[in-house]
């Protein structure tokens, strides 16, 4: 009798441990994704120093890329800064050639001009969306197979079938023109 009671207790402990491990993994991913989003906001704020007083974004990398877009876009990888849209499981940037194998997190940006002023008063709202797969190699409805977080286009993540494959973190901030 005592062995049966002990067996039930051990099974309960094992089940609790499995749930605890899953919750810890999700919390870790959420913390990493938040850090990635904050890093992107910092990069965009730093890039504002290159935003010329003439209002031109030609010296910037990502502000220039997002200026003509009205919706989400996936930022290009910049080899000089070694920074792009893809990040590994520890939150480190992943080079373009390693995205297929190493991308655990992926970033999409949306920029909206709030004010434009050639006297240095330009302001852009920057939204950062960090996504990661719920399960590696998840199979979505309609037979969609995604092997990494950057495996779908930035705008297509708004589709219901693809949205169910990912976890999301959204951050937003203001980027103020400070260039010469």
Protein backbone atom coordinates (compact mmCIF):
# COMPACT_ATOMS: atom_id res chain seq x y z
CA UNK A 1 0.00 0.00 0.00
CA UNK A 2 2.76 2.41 0.93
CA UNK A 3 4.54 1.67 -2.38
CA UNK A 4 1.38 2.58 -4.30
CA UNK A 5 1.07 5.89 -2.45
CA UNK A 6 4.74 6.62 -3.06
CA UNK A 7 4.38 5.78 -6.78
CA UNK A 8 1.47 8.21 -7.15
CA UNK A 9 3.52 10.90 -5.40
CA UNK A 10 6.53 10.34 -7.66
CA UNK A 11 4.36 10.52 -10.79
CA UNK A 12 2.94 13.83 -9.53
CA UNK A 13 6.39 15.24 -8.90
CA UNK A 14 7.58 14.22 -12.38
CA UNK A 15 4.52 15.82 -14.02
CA UNK A 16 5.08 19.03 -12.05
CA UNK A 17 8.74 19.08 -13.08
CA UNK A 18 7.79 18.86 -16.77
CA UNK A 19 5.46 21.86 -16.48
CA UNK A 20 8.09 23.81 -14.54
CA UNK A 21 10.72 23.16 -17.22
CA UNK A 22 8.37 24.33 -19.98
CA UNK A 23 7.48 27.49 -18.03
CA UNK A 24 11.16 28.25 -17.38
CA UNK A 25 11.99 27.82 -21.07
CA UNK A 26 9.18 30.18 -22.07
CA UNK A 27 10.29 32.77 -19.49
CA UNK A 28 13.86 32.55 -20.79
CA UNK A 29 12.70 33.03 -24.39
CA UNK A 30 10.51 35.96 -23.36
CA UNK A 31 13.44 37.64 -21.58
CA UNK A 32 15.75 37.10 -24.57
CA UNK A 33 13.13 38.42 -27.01
CA UNK A 34 12.59 41.52 -24.87
CA UNK A 35 16.34 42.13 -24.76
CA UNK A 36 16.54 41.77 -28.57
CA UNK A 37 13.70 44.26 -29.00
CA UNK A 38 15.40 46.74 -26.66
CA UNK A 39 18.66 46.28 -28.58
CA UNK A 40 16.87 47.13 -31.82
CA UNK A 41 15.32 50.25 -30.33
CA UNK A 42 18.78 51.26 -29.14
CA UNK A 43 20.26 50.69 -32.60
CA UNK A 44 17.55 52.84 -34.20
CA UNK A 45 18.06 55.60 -31.64
CA UNK A 46 21.81 55.52 -32.26
CA UNK A 47 21.24 55.60 -35.99
CA UNK A 48 19.30 58.85 -35.57
CA UNK A 49 22.69 60.54 -35.14
CA UNK A 50 23.20 59.90 -38.86
CA UNK A 51 19.83 61.44 -39.77
CA UNK A 52 20.86 64.68 -41.45
CA UNK A 53 19.40 68.09 -40.63
CA UNK A 54 18.29 68.25 -44.25
CA UNK A 55 15.83 65.48 -43.41
CA UNK A 56 17.62 62.90 -45.56
CA UNK A 57 18.10 59.38 -44.26
CA UNK A 58 20.75 58.47 -46.84
CA UNK A 59 23.47 57.90 -44.21
CA UNK A 60 21.29 55.57 -42.16
CA UNK A 61 20.80 51.84 -42.73
CA UNK A 62 17.48 50.83 -41.22
CA UNK A 63 15.69 54.18 -40.98
CA UNK A 64 16.26 54.59 -44.71
CA UNK A 65 15.05 51.05 -45.38
CA UNK A 66 11.85 51.54 -43.37
CA UNK A 67 11.01 55.10 -44.43
CA UNK A 68 9.10 54.20 -47.61
CA UNK A 69 7.30 51.25 -45.99
CA UNK A 70 3.87 51.52 -44.43
CA UNK A 71 3.84 48.05 -42.92
CA UNK A 72 6.15 45.59 -41.19
CA UNK A 73 9.46 44.86 -42.88
CA UNK A 74 12.40 42.62 -42.08
CA UNK A 75 15.56 44.74 -41.67
CA UNK A 76 18.62 43.85 -43.73
CA UNK A 77 21.75 42.45 -42.12
CA UNK A 78 24.52 45.03 -41.84
CA UNK A 79 27.94 43.39 -42.06
CA UNK A 80 29.78 46.42 -40.67
CA UNK A 81 27.68 46.42 -37.51
CA UNK A 82 27.22 42.61 -37.50
CA UNK A 83 23.55 43.18 -36.71
CA UNK A 84 20.38 42.14 -38.50
CA UNK A 85 16.98 40.54 -38.11
CA UNK A 86 18.04 37.04 -37.00
CA UNK A 87 19.25 36.05 -33.52
CA UNK A 88 20.34 32.71 -32.04
CA UNK A 89 18.96 30.99 -28.94
CA UNK A 90 21.10 33.16 -26.65
CA UNK A 91 20.11 36.44 -28.32
CA UNK A 92 23.30 36.89 -30.35
CA UNK A 93 22.98 38.31 -33.90
CA UNK A 94 23.14 35.73 -36.69
CA UNK A 95 24.82 36.42 -40.03
CA UNK A 96 22.71 36.10 -43.20
CA UNK A 97 24.45 32.92 -44.32
CA UNK A 98 23.71 31.22 -40.97
CA UNK A 99 20.03 32.14 -40.66
CA UNK A 100 18.67 28.78 -41.83
CA UNK A 101 20.64 26.84 -39.24
CA UNK A 102 20.85 29.24 -36.29
CA UNK A 103 17.91 31.69 -36.26
CA UNK A 104 15.80 31.17 -33.15
CA UNK A 105 14.42 34.73 -32.96
CA UNK A 106 13.56 37.11 -35.80
CA UNK A 107 12.85 40.84 -35.81
CA UNK A 108 10.42 42.85 -37.90
CA UNK A 109 10.23 46.64 -37.80
CA UNK A 110 7.54 49.20 -38.59
CA UNK A 111 8.42 52.87 -38.76
CA UNK A 112 5.93 55.73 -38.91
CA UNK A 113 6.90 59.37 -39.39
CA UNK A 114 5.29 61.49 -36.70
CA UNK A 115 6.90 64.81 -37.59
CA UNK A 116 9.36 65.89 -40.24
CA UNK A 117 11.36 69.04 -39.74
CA UNK A 118 14.52 70.05 -41.55
CA UNK A 119 15.72 71.91 -38.46
CA UNK A 120 16.48 68.70 -36.59
CA UNK A 121 12.99 68.13 -35.21
CA UNK A 122 12.04 64.94 -37.04
CA UNK A 123 10.39 62.17 -35.03
CA UNK A 124 9.65 58.58 -36.01
CA UNK A 125 7.67 55.99 -34.06
CA UNK A 126 9.59 52.72 -34.18
CA UNK A 127 7.81 49.44 -33.50
CA UNK A 128 9.81 46.26 -33.01
CA UNK A 129 8.24 42.81 -33.25
CA UNK A 130 10.35 39.86 -32.10
CA UNK A 131 9.04 36.43 -33.04
CA UNK A 132 10.08 32.89 -32.24
CA UNK A 133 8.58 29.49 -33.02
CA UNK A 134 6.32 27.82 -30.50
CA UNK A 135 7.93 24.49 -31.45
CA UNK A 136 10.98 23.95 -33.67
CA UNK A 137 9.91 22.69 -37.08
CA UNK A 138 6.28 23.50 -36.36
CA UNK A 139 3.71 22.52 -38.95
CA UNK A 140 1.01 25.09 -39.44
CA UNK A 141 -2.38 24.70 -41.01
CA UNK A 142 -2.33 24.32 -44.76
CA UNK A 143 0.90 22.31 -44.56
CA UNK A 144 3.12 25.33 -43.88
CA UNK A 145 6.47 24.14 -42.54
CA UNK A 146 8.72 26.68 -40.83
CA UNK A 147 12.21 25.66 -39.74
CA UNK A 148 13.36 28.94 -38.18
CA UNK A 149 11.88 32.19 -36.94
CA UNK A 150 12.85 34.06 -40.11
CA UNK A 151 11.26 31.39 -42.32
CA UNK A 152 8.22 33.53 -43.21
CA UNK A 153 7.94 37.02 -44.65
CA UNK A 154 7.52 39.88 -42.20
CA UNK A 155 4.04 40.88 -43.33
CA UNK A 156 2.75 37.32 -43.64
CA UNK A 157 3.02 36.70 -39.89
CA UNK A 158 -0.26 38.63 -39.68
CA UNK A 159 -1.95 35.64 -41.34
CA UNK A 160 -3.90 33.60 -38.76
CA UNK A 161 -2.36 30.25 -39.75
CA UNK A 162 1.17 31.58 -39.40
CA UNK A 163 0.45 33.62 -36.28
CA UNK A 164 -0.37 30.42 -34.39
CA UNK A 165 3.16 29.15 -35.05
CA UNK A 166 4.90 31.97 -33.17
CA UNK A 167 5.26 33.75 -29.88
CA UNK A 168 5.54 37.54 -30.14
CA UNK A 169 7.04 40.43 -28.20
CA UNK A 170 6.18 43.98 -29.27
CA UNK A 171 8.11 47.07 -28.23
CA UNK A 172 7.82 50.65 -29.43
CA UNK A 173 9.74 53.85 -28.98
CA UNK A 174 10.47 57.20 -30.50
CA UNK A 175 13.46 57.98 -32.70
CA UNK A 176 14.30 61.68 -32.71
CA UNK A 177 16.39 63.36 -35.38
CA UNK A 178 19.69 64.43 -33.80
CA UNK A 179 22.02 64.44 -36.82
CA UNK A 180 24.02 67.33 -38.18
